[in-house]
């Protein structure tokens, strides 16, 4: 496994965790404001775990680069979440216009 497959894997893990926590919180607005920050921190943690416990997954010899790769993967999970949200929002508006 190389770092091209690690980035989507970390993003999928972070996306799943954030979605579970958002569902458990019941859509709390205070939590939603901190979702990008939490995603970056979770991604950075996943990057560190991948660097130390699964050697060779992230092709770097530097911990800082592994943290940056993880954090950027976590932030891409937030972007993916917003993309899905906007696409479903548009579809719901189209359905309301037809009625």
PDB file of N, CA and C in Angstrom:
ATOM      1  N   UNK A   1       0.856  -1.172   0.000  1.00  0.00           N
ATOM      2  CA  UNK A   1       0.000   0.000   0.000  1.00  0.00           C
ATOM      3  C   UNK A   1       0.898   1.230   0.000  1.00  0.00           C
ATOM      4  N   UNK A   2       0.625   2.160  -0.856  1.00  0.00           N
ATOM      5  CA  UNK A   2       1.406   3.390  -0.875  1.00  0.00           C
ATOM      6  C   UNK A   2       0.544   4.555  -0.425  1.00  0.00           C
ATOM      7  N   UNK A   3       1.143   5.741  -0.373  1.00  0.00           N
ATOM      8  CA  UNK A   3       0.422   6.875   0.208  1.00  0.00           C
ATOM      9  C   UNK A   3      -0.741   7.359  -0.655  1.00  0.00           C
ATOM     10  N   UNK A   4      -0.824   6.921  -1.900  1.00  0.00           N
ATOM     11  CA  UNK A   4      -1.978   7.305  -2.717  1.00  0.00           C
ATOM     12  C   UNK A   4      -3.247   6.616  -2.196  1.00  0.00           C
ATOM     13  N   UNK A   5      -3.130   5.413  -1.689  1.00  0.00           N
ATOM     14  CA  UNK A   5      -4.301   4.722  -1.141  1.00  0.00           C
ATOM     15  C   UNK A   5      -4.536   5.058   0.324  1.00  0.00           C
ATOM     16  N   UNK A   6      -3.544   5.593   1.001  1.00  0.00           N
ATOM     17  CA  UNK A   6      -3.701   5.932   2.415  1.00  0.00           C
ATOM     18  C   UNK A   6      -4.578   7.160   2.586  1.00  0.00           C
ATOM     19  N   UNK A   7      -4.447   8.137   1.713  1.00  0.00           N
ATOM     20  CA  UNK A   7      -5.193   9.390   1.852  1.00  0.00           C
ATOM     21  C   UNK A   7      -6.702   9.150   1.806  1.00  0.00           C
ATOM     22  N   UNK A   8      -7.239   8.408   0.812  1.00  0.00           N
ATOM     23  CA  UNK A   8      -8.680   8.137   0.851  1.00  0.00           C
ATOM     24  C   UNK A   8      -9.091   7.241   2.028  1.00  0.00           C
ATOM     25  N   UNK A   9      -8.205   6.357   2.448  1.00  0.00           N
ATOM     26  CA  UNK A   9      -8.535   5.493   3.585  1.00  0.00           C
ATOM     27  C   UNK A   9      -8.679   6.308   4.862  1.00  0.00           C
ATOM     28  N   UNK A  10      -7.752   7.227   5.104  1.00  0.00           N
ATOM     29  CA  UNK A  10      -7.848   8.091   6.287  1.00  0.00           C
ATOM     30  C   UNK A  10      -9.083   8.980   6.182  1.00  0.00           C
ATOM     31  N   UNK A  11      -9.347   9.512   4.994  1.00  0.00           N
ATOM     32  CA  UNK A  11     -10.530  10.357   4.805  1.00  0.00           C
ATOM     33  C   UNK A  11     -11.807   9.570   5.092  1.00  0.00           C
ATOM     34  N   UNK A  12     -11.865   8.314   4.656  1.00  0.00           N
ATOM     35  CA  UNK A  12     -13.058   7.493   4.910  1.00  0.00           C
ATOM     36  C   UNK A  12     -13.232   7.211   6.397  1.00  0.00           C
ATOM     37  N   UNK A  13     -12.133   6.943   7.094  1.00  0.00           N
ATOM     38  CA  UNK A  13     -12.207   6.686   8.540  1.00  0.00           C
ATOM     39  C   UNK A  13     -12.691   7.941   9.276  1.00  0.00           C
ATOM     40  N   UNK A  14     -12.106   9.079   8.937  1.00  0.00           N
ATOM     41  CA  UNK A  14     -12.488  10.337   9.595  1.00  0.00           C
ATOM     42  C   UNK A  14     -13.940  10.689   9.275  1.00  0.00           C
ATOM     43  N   UNK A  15     -14.346  10.527   8.023  1.00  0.00           N
ATOM     44  CA  UNK A  15     -15.729  10.817   7.617  1.00  0.00           C
ATOM     45  C   UNK A  15     -16.710   9.961   8.422  1.00  0.00           C
ATOM     46  N   UNK A  16     -16.390   8.687   8.569  1.00  0.00           N
ATOM     47  CA  UNK A  16     -17.270   7.781   9.320  1.00  0.00           C
ATOM     48  C   UNK A  16     -17.361   8.180  10.787  1.00  0.00           C
ATOM     49  N   UNK A  17     -16.219   8.477  11.392  1.00  0.00           N
ATOM     50  CA  UNK A  17     -16.213   8.856  12.810  1.00  0.00           C
ATOM     51  C   UNK A  17     -16.990  10.156  13.019  1.00  0.00           C
ATOM     52  N   UNK A  18     -16.762  11.143  12.177  1.00  0.00           N
ATOM     53  CA  UNK A  18     -17.459  12.425  12.310  1.00  0.00           C
ATOM     54  C   UNK A  18     -18.960  12.240  12.119  1.00  0.00           C
ATOM     55  N   UNK A  19     -19.350  11.410  11.157  1.00  0.00           N
ATOM     56  CA  UNK A  19     -20.776  11.178  10.912  1.00  0.00           C
ATOM     57  C   UNK A  19     -21.431  10.486  12.104  1.00  0.00           C
ATOM     58  N   UNK A  20     -20.749   9.537  12.704  1.00  0.00           N
ATOM     59  CA  UNK A  20     -21.282   8.847  13.886  1.00  0.00           C
ATOM     60  C   UNK A  20     -21.422   9.827  15.051  1.00  0.00           C
ATOM     61  N   UNK A  21     -20.409  10.653  15.270  1.00  0.00           N
ATOM     62  CA  UNK A  21     -20.457  11.609  16.377  1.00  0.00           C
ATOM     63  C   UNK A  21     -21.533  12.668  16.134  1.00  0.00           C
ATOM     64  N   UNK A  22     -21.682  13.126  14.885  1.00  0.00           N
ATOM     65  CA  UNK A  22     -22.746  14.098  14.587  1.00  0.00           C
ATOM     66  C   UNK A  22     -24.121  13.506  14.846  1.00  0.00           C
ATOM     67  N   UNK A  23     -24.307  12.248  14.492  1.00  0.00           N
ATOM     68  CA  UNK A  23     -25.584  11.587  14.749  1.00  0.00           C
ATOM     69  C   UNK A  23     -25.813  11.433  16.248  1.00  0.00           C
ATOM     70  N   UNK A  24     -24.767  11.103  16.992  1.00  0.00           N
ATOM     71  CA  UNK A  24     -24.894  10.934  18.442  1.00  0.00           C
ATOM     72  C   UNK A  24     -25.178  12.268  19.129  1.00  0.00           C
ATOM     73  N   UNK A  25     -24.620  13.355  18.610  1.00  0.00           N
ATOM     74  CA  UNK A  25     -24.850  14.679  19.211  1.00  0.00           C
ATOM     75  C   UNK A  25     -26.207  15.255  18.842  1.00  0.00           C
ATOM     76  N   UNK A  26     -26.850  14.698  17.848  1.00  0.00           N
ATOM     77  CA  UNK A  26     -28.167  15.170  17.457  1.00  0.00           C
ATOM     78  C   UNK A  26     -28.148  16.481  16.680  1.00  0.00           C
ATOM     79  N   UNK A  27     -27.066  16.750  15.980  1.00  0.00           N
ATOM     80  CA  UNK A  27     -27.017  17.956  15.158  1.00  0.00           C
ATOM     81  C   UNK A  27     -26.772  19.220  15.944  1.00  0.00           C
ATOM     82  N   UNK A  28     -26.015  19.136  17.017  1.00  0.00           N
ATOM     83  CA  UNK A  28     -25.711  20.300  17.843  1.00  0.00           C
ATOM     84  C   UNK A  28     -24.911  21.316  17.023  1.00  0.00           C
ATOM     85  N   UNK A  29     -25.345  22.563  17.025  1.00  0.00           N
ATOM     86  CA  UNK A  29     -24.696  23.606  16.223  1.00  0.00           C
ATOM     87  C   UNK A  29     -23.283  23.913  16.705  1.00  0.00           C
ATOM     88  N   UNK A  30     -23.041  23.837  18.013  1.00  0.00           N
ATOM     89  CA  UNK A  30     -21.692  24.079  18.525  1.00  0.00           C
ATOM     90  C   UNK A  30     -20.724  23.029  18.005  1.00  0.00           C
ATOM     91  N   UNK A  31     -21.178  21.784  17.942  1.00  0.00           N
ATOM     92  CA  UNK A  31     -20.317  20.727  17.420  1.00  0.00           C
ATOM     93  C   UNK A  31     -20.047  20.938  15.942  1.00  0.00           C
ATOM     94  N   UNK A  32     -21.058  21.330  15.194  1.00  0.00           N
ATOM     95  CA  UNK A  32     -20.894  21.511  13.749  1.00  0.00           C
ATOM     96  C   UNK A  32     -19.874  22.593  13.414  1.00  0.00           C
ATOM     97  N   UNK A  33     -19.745  23.588  14.281  1.00  0.00           N
ATOM     98  CA  UNK A  33     -18.762  24.645  14.034  1.00  0.00           C
ATOM     99  C   UNK A  33     -17.337  24.129  14.119  1.00  0.00           C
ATOM    100  N   UNK A  34     -17.121  23.084  14.904  1.00  0.00           N
ATOM    101  CA  UNK A  34     -15.772  22.566  15.111  1.00  0.00           C
ATOM    102  C   UNK A  34     -15.470  21.317  14.298  1.00  0.00           C
ATOM    103  N   UNK A  35     -16.347  20.926  13.393  1.00  0.00           N
ATOM    104  CA  UNK A  35     -16.146  19.718  12.591  1.00  0.00           C
ATOM    105  C   UNK A  35     -14.849  19.767  11.778  1.00  0.00           C
ATOM    106  N   UNK A  36     -14.517  20.865  11.083  1.00  0.00           N
ATOM    107  CA  UNK A  36     -13.243  20.866  10.346  1.00  0.00           C
ATOM    108  C   UNK A  36     -12.022  20.707  11.246  1.00  0.00           C
ATOM    109  N   UNK A  37     -12.032  21.350  12.406  1.00  0.00           N
ATOM    110  CA  UNK A  37     -10.913  21.224  13.338  1.00  0.00           C
ATOM    111  C   UNK A  37     -10.806  19.799  13.866  1.00  0.00           C
ATOM    112  N   UNK A  38     -11.930  19.216  14.236  1.00  0.00           N
ATOM    113  CA  UNK A  38     -11.933  17.840  14.735  1.00  0.00           C
ATOM    114  C   UNK A  38     -11.490  16.880  13.641  1.00  0.00           C
ATOM    115  N   UNK A  39     -11.913  17.129  12.408  1.00  0.00           N
ATOM    116  CA  UNK A  39     -11.506  16.278  11.292  1.00  0.00           C
ATOM    117  C   UNK A  39     -10.000  16.343  11.066  1.00  0.00           C
ATOM    118  N   UNK A  40      -9.436  17.536  11.152  1.00  0.00           N
ATOM    119  CA  UNK A  40      -7.989  17.679  10.980  1.00  0.00           C
ATOM    120  C   UNK A  40      -7.222  16.965  12.088  1.00  0.00           C
ATOM    121  N   UNK A  41      -7.703  17.084  13.320  1.00  0.00           N
ATOM    122  CA  UNK A  41      -7.028  16.428  14.445  1.00  0.00           C
ATOM    123  C   UNK A  41      -7.151  14.907  14.327  1.00  0.00           C
ATOM    124  N   UNK A  42      -8.347  14.404  14.004  1.00  0.00           N
ATOM    125  CA  UNK A  42      -8.513  12.962  13.817  1.00  0.00           C
ATOM    126  C   UNK A  42      -7.646  12.442  12.676  1.00  0.00           C
ATOM    127  N   UNK A  43      -7.567  13.199  11.591  1.00  0.00           N
ATOM    128  CA  UNK A  43      -6.713  12.803  10.479  1.00  0.00           C
ATOM    129  C   UNK A  43      -5.250  12.778  10.874  1.00  0.00           C
ATOM    130  N   UNK A  44      -4.816  13.788  11.640  1.00  0.00           N
ATOM    131  CA  UNK A  44      -3.427  13.817  12.108  1.00  0.00           C
ATOM    132  C   UNK A  44      -3.129  12.626  13.003  1.00  0.00           C
ATOM    133  N   UNK A  45      -4.077  12.267  13.858  1.00  0.00           N
ATOM    134  CA  UNK A  45      -3.900  11.095  14.720  1.00  0.00           C
ATOM    135  C   UNK A  45      -3.806   9.827  13.874  1.00  0.00           C
ATOM    136  N   UNK A  46      -4.645   9.726  12.875  1.00  0.00           N
ATOM    137  CA  UNK A  46      -4.580   8.560  11.968  1.00  0.00           C
ATOM    138  C   UNK A  46      -3.248   8.524  11.223  1.00  0.00           C
ATOM    139  N   UNK A  47      -2.729   9.692  10.854  1.00  0.00           N
ATOM    140  CA  UNK A  47      -1.429   9.756  10.201  1.00  0.00           C
ATOM    141  C   UNK A  47      -0.313   9.274  11.105  1.00  0.00           C
ATOM    142  N   UNK A  48      -0.345   9.668  12.367  1.00  0.00           N
ATOM    143  CA  UNK A  48       0.668   9.224  13.330  1.00  0.00           C
ATOM    144  C   UNK A  48       0.561   7.721  13.567  1.00  0.00           C
ATOM    145  N   UNK A  49      -0.670   7.237  13.721  1.00  0.00           N
ATOM    146  CA  UNK A  49      -0.867   5.793  13.922  1.00  0.00           C
ATOM    147  C   UNK A  49      -0.357   5.019  12.717  1.00  0.00           C
ATOM    148  N   UNK A  50      -0.663   5.501  11.523  1.00  0.00           N
ATOM    149  CA  UNK A  50      -0.190   4.829  10.311  1.00  0.00           C
ATOM    150  C   UNK A  50       1.326   4.867  10.221  1.00  0.00           C
ATOM    151  N   UNK A  51       1.931   5.959  10.633  1.00  0.00           N
ATOM    152  CA  UNK A  51       3.377   6.106  10.552  1.00  0.00           C
ATOM    153  C   UNK A  51       4.091   5.145  11.486  1.00  0.00           C
ATOM    154  N   UNK A  52       3.590   5.022  12.714  1.00  0.00           N
ATOM    155  CA  UNK A  52       4.277   4.194  13.699  1.00  0.00           C
ATOM    156  C   UNK A  52       3.869   2.714  13.664  1.00  0.00           C
ATOM    157  N   UNK A  53       2.595   2.436  13.507  1.00  0.00           N
ATOM    158  CA  UNK A  53       2.131   1.065  13.672  1.00  0.00           C
ATOM    159  C   UNK A  53       1.991   0.293  12.371  1.00  0.00           C
ATOM    160  N   UNK A  54       1.945   0.980  11.242  1.00  0.00           N
ATOM    161  CA  UNK A  54       1.882   0.303   9.940  1.00  0.00           C
ATOM    162  C   UNK A  54       3.002   0.884   9.077  1.00  0.00           C
ATOM    163  N   UNK A  55       4.244   0.485   9.359  1.00  0.00           N
ATOM    164  CA  UNK A  55       5.364   1.095   8.639  1.00  0.00           C
ATOM    165  C   UNK A  55       5.295   0.815   7.140  1.00  0.00           C
ATOM    166  N   UNK A  56       5.672   1.786   6.364  1.00  0.00           N
ATOM    167  CA  UNK A  56       5.677   1.641   4.922  1.00  0.00           C
ATOM    168  C   UNK A  56       4.389   2.079   4.259  1.00  0.00           C
ATOM    169  N   UNK A  57       3.349   2.321   5.042  1.00  0.00           N
ATOM    170  CA  UNK A  57       2.083   2.755   4.448  1.00  0.00           C
ATOM    171  C   UNK A  57       2.202   4.187   3.956  1.00  0.00           C
ATOM    172  N   UNK A  58       2.709   5.051   4.806  1.00  0.00           N
ATOM    173  CA  UNK A  58       2.962   6.431   4.400  1.00  0.00           C
ATOM    174  C   UNK A  58       4.432   6.491   4.011  1.00  0.00           C
ATOM    175  N   UNK A  59       4.682   6.798   2.759  1.00  0.00           N
ATOM    176  CA  UNK A  59       6.049   6.783   2.239  1.00  0.00           C
ATOM    177  C   UNK A  59       6.814   8.035   2.644  1.00  0.00           C
ATOM    178  N   UNK A  60       7.152   8.098   3.922  1.00  0.00           N
ATOM    179  CA  UNK A  60       7.949   9.210   4.416  1.00  0.00           C
ATOM    180  C   UNK A  60       8.736   8.736   5.626  1.00  0.00           C
ATOM    181  N   UNK A  61       9.841   9.361   5.853  1.00  0.00           N
ATOM    182  CA  UNK A  61      10.636   9.053   7.028  1.00  0.00           C
ATOM    183  C   UNK A  61      10.495  10.117   8.093  1.00  0.00           C
ATOM    184  N   UNK A  62       9.587  11.041   7.893  1.00  0.00           N
ATOM    185  CA  UNK A  62       9.436  12.191   8.760  1.00  0.00           C
ATOM    186  C   UNK A  62       8.041  12.186   9.386  1.00  0.00           C
ATOM    187  N   UNK A  63       7.977  12.293  10.703  1.00  0.00           N
ATOM    188  CA  UNK A  63       6.693  12.297  11.408  1.00  0.00           C
ATOM    189  C   UNK A  63       5.856  13.513  11.052  1.00  0.00           C
ATOM    190  N   UNK A  64       6.487  14.662  10.864  1.00  0.00           N
ATOM    191  CA  UNK A  64       5.743  15.880  10.534  1.00  0.00           C
ATOM    192  C   UNK A  64       4.990  15.733   9.210  1.00  0.00           C
ATOM    193  N   UNK A  65       5.617  15.109   8.236  1.00  0.00           N
ATOM    194  CA  UNK A  65       4.954  14.890   6.944  1.00  0.00           C
ATOM    195  C   UNK A  65       3.773  13.935   7.117  1.00  0.00           C
ATOM    196  N   UNK A  66       3.928  12.918   7.963  1.00  0.00           N
ATOM    197  CA  UNK A  66       2.826  11.989   8.226  1.00  0.00           C
ATOM    198  C   UNK A  66       1.658  12.714   8.891  1.00  0.00           C
ATOM    199  N   UNK A  67       1.958  13.633   9.795  1.00  0.00           N
ATOM    200  CA  UNK A  67       0.903  14.417  10.444  1.00  0.00           C
ATOM    201  C   UNK A  67       0.194  15.304   9.425  1.00  0.00           C
ATOM    202  N   UNK A  68       0.950  15.933   8.547  1.00  0.00           N
ATOM    203  CA  UNK A  68       0.350  16.810   7.533  1.00  0.00           C
ATOM    204  C   UNK A  68      -0.501  16.004   6.557  1.00  0.00           C
ATOM    205  N   UNK A  69      -0.015  14.837   6.152  1.00  0.00           N
ATOM    206  CA  UNK A  69      -0.805  13.972   5.254  1.00  0.00           C
ATOM    207  C   UNK A  69      -2.104  13.565   5.940  1.00  0.00           C
ATOM    208  N   UNK A  70      -2.031  13.185   7.204  1.00  0.00           N
ATOM    209  CA  UNK A  70      -3.228  12.794   7.943  1.00  0.00           C
ATOM    210  C   UNK A  70      -4.204  13.939   8.125  1.00  0.00           C
ATOM    211  N   UNK A  71      -3.680  15.117   8.480  1.00  0.00           N
ATOM    212  CA  UNK A  71      -4.554  16.276   8.690  1.00  0.00           C
ATOM    213  C   UNK A  71      -5.229  16.701   7.389  1.00  0.00           C
ATOM    214  N   UNK A  72      -4.487  16.679   6.298  1.00  0.00           N
ATOM    215  CA  UNK A  72      -5.095  17.052   5.022  1.00  0.00           C
ATOM    216  C   UNK A  72      -6.124  16.017   4.585  1.00  0.00           C
ATOM    217  N   UNK A  73      -5.885  14.761   4.916  1.00  0.00           N
ATOM    218  CA  UNK A  73      -6.879  13.727   4.621  1.00  0.00           C
ATOM    219  C   UNK A  73      -8.137  13.938   5.443  1.00  0.00           C
ATOM    220  N   UNK A  74      -7.973  14.329   6.707  1.00  0.00           N
ATOM    221  CA  UNK A  74      -9.126  14.630   7.547  1.00  0.00           C
ATOM    222  C   UNK A  74      -9.915  15.811   7.029  1.00  0.00           C
ATOM    223  N   UNK A  75      -9.217  16.839   6.564  1.00  0.00           N
ATOM    224  CA  UNK A  75      -9.911  17.994   5.994  1.00  0.00           C
ATOM    225  C   UNK A  75     -10.604  17.645   4.679  1.00  0.00           C
ATOM    226  N   UNK A  76     -10.036  16.710   3.933  1.00  0.00           N
ATOM    227  CA  UNK A  76     -10.719  16.284   2.701  1.00  0.00           C
ATOM    228  C   UNK A  76     -12.007  15.537   3.036  1.00  0.00           C
ATOM    229  N   UNK A  77     -12.061  14.899   4.196  1.00  0.00           N
ATOM    230  CA  UNK A  77     -13.310  14.259   4.632  1.00  0.00           C
ATOM    231  C   UNK A  77     -14.385  15.310   4.876  1.00  0.00           C
ATOM    232  N   UNK A  78     -13.991  16.465   5.428  1.00  0.00           N
ATOM    233  CA  UNK A  78     -14.942  17.555   5.627  1.00  0.00           C
ATOM    234  C   UNK A  78     -15.435  18.084   4.287  1.00  0.00           C
ATOM    235  N   UNK A  79     -14.529  18.213   3.337  1.00  0.00           N
ATOM    236  CA  UNK A  79     -14.929  18.659   2.009  1.00  0.00           C
ATOM    237  C   UNK A  79     -15.867  17.678   1.339  1.00  0.00           C
ATOM    238  N   UNK A  80     -15.600  16.393   1.507  1.00  0.00           N
ATOM    239  CA  UNK A  80     -16.480  15.369   0.962  1.00  0.00           C
ATOM    240  C   UNK A  80     -17.854  15.447   1.606  1.00  0.00           C
ATOM    241  N   UNK A  81     -17.889  15.668   2.914  1.00  0.00           N
ATOM    242  CA  UNK A  81     -19.158  15.789   3.623  1.00  0.00           C
ATOM    243  C   UNK A  81     -19.954  16.969   3.077  1.00  0.00           C
ATOM    244  N   UNK A  82     -19.298  18.093   2.860  1.00  0.00           N
ATOM    245  CA  UNK A  82     -20.000  19.268   2.351  1.00  0.00           C
ATOM    246  C   UNK A  82     -20.474  19.069   0.916  1.00  0.00           C
ATOM    247  N   UNK A  83     -19.694  18.341   0.117  1.00  0.00           N
ATOM    248  CA  UNK A  83     -20.107  18.048  -1.257  1.00  0.00           C
ATOM    249  C   UNK A  83     -21.372  17.211  -1.265  1.00  0.00           C
ATOM    250  N   UNK A  84     -21.393  16.159  -0.452  1.00  0.00           N
ATOM    251  CA  UNK A  84     -22.583  15.307  -0.368  1.00  0.00           C
ATOM    252  C   UNK A  84     -23.766  16.111   0.141  1.00  0.00           C
ATOM    253  N   UNK A  85     -23.535  16.952   1.130  1.00  0.00           N
ATOM    254  CA  UNK A  85     -24.602  17.770   1.697  1.00  0.00           C
ATOM    255  C   UNK A  85     -25.192  18.719   0.651  1.00  0.00           C
ATOM    256  N   UNK A  86     -24.330  19.372  -0.125  1.00  0.00           N
ATOM    257  CA  UNK A  86     -24.814  20.307  -1.138  1.00  0.00           C
ATOM    258  C   UNK A  86     -25.534  19.595  -2.280  1.00  0.00           C
ATOM    259  N   UNK A  87     -25.043  18.427  -2.673  1.00  0.00           N
ATOM    260  CA  UNK A  87     -25.702  17.686  -3.747  1.00  0.00           C
ATOM    261  C   UNK A  87     -27.080  17.193  -3.326  1.00  0.00           C
ATOM    262  N   UNK A  88     -27.201  16.713  -2.097  1.00  0.00           N
ATOM    263  CA  UNK A  88     -28.512  16.255  -1.627  1.00  0.00           C
ATOM    264  C   UNK A  88     -29.435  17.441  -1.373  1.00  0.00           C
ATOM    265  N   UNK A  89     -28.886  18.565  -0.975  1.00  0.00           N
ATOM    266  CA  UNK A  89     -29.698  19.761  -0.759  1.00  0.00           C
ATOM    267  C   UNK A  89     -30.302  20.234  -2.079  1.00  0.00           C
ATOM    268  N   UNK A  90     -29.536  20.205  -3.140  1.00  0.00           N
ATOM    269  CA  UNK A  90     -30.036  20.608  -4.450  1.00  0.00           C
ATOM    270  C   UNK A  90     -31.125  19.661  -4.923  1.00  0.00           C
ATOM    271  N   UNK A  91     -30.933  18.368  -4.720  1.00  0.00           N
ATOM    272  CA  UNK A  91     -31.942  17.395  -5.129  1.00  0.00           C
ATOM    273  C   UNK A  91     -33.233  17.582  -4.340  1.00  0.00           C
ATOM    274  N   UNK A  92     -33.147  17.901  -3.063  1.00  0.00           N
ATOM    275  CA  UNK A  92     -34.343  18.124  -2.262  1.00  0.00           C
ATOM    276  C   UNK A  92     -35.072  19.385  -2.726  1.00  0.00           C
ATOM    277  N   UNK A  93     -34.329  20.428  -3.101  1.00  0.00           N
ATOM    278  CA  UNK A  93     -34.959  21.649  -3.600  1.00  0.00           C
ATOM    279  C   UNK A  93     -35.658  21.389  -4.934  1.00  0.00           C
ATOM    280  N   UNK A  94     -35.047  20.576  -5.794  1.00  0.00           N
ATOM    281  CA  UNK A  94     -35.680  20.233  -7.078  1.00  0.00           C
ATOM    282  C   UNK A  94     -36.968  19.462  -6.858  1.00  0.00           C
ATOM    283  N   UNK A  95     -36.975  18.568  -5.854  1.00  0.00           N
ATOM    284  CA  UNK A  95     -38.178  17.800  -5.556  1.00  0.00           C
ATOM    285  C   UNK A  95     -39.288  18.700  -5.029  1.00  0.00           C
ATOM    286  N   UNK A  96     -38.921  19.726  -4.246  1.00  0.00           N
ATOM    287  CA  UNK A  96     -39.922  20.653  -3.735  1.00  0.00           C
ATOM    288  C   UNK A  96     -40.505  21.517  -4.847  1.00  0.00           C
ATOM    289  N   UNK A  97     -39.706  21.862  -5.851  1.00  0.00           N
ATOM    290  CA  UNK A  97     -40.191  22.681  -6.960  1.00  0.00           C
ATOM    291  C   UNK A  97     -41.185  21.933  -7.831  1.00  0.00           C
ATOM    292  N   UNK A  98     -41.040  20.625  -7.926  1.00  0.00           N
ATOM    293  CA  UNK A  98     -41.927  19.830  -8.775  1.00  0.00           C
ATOM    294  C   UNK A  98     -43.317  19.656  -8.185  1.00  0.00           C
ATOM    295  N   UNK A  99     -43.459  19.787  -6.879  1.00  0.00           N
ATOM    296  CA  UNK A  99     -44.737  19.556  -6.214  1.00  0.00           C
ATOM    297  C   UNK A  99     -45.631  20.711  -6.325  1.00  0.00           C
TER     298      UNK A  99
END
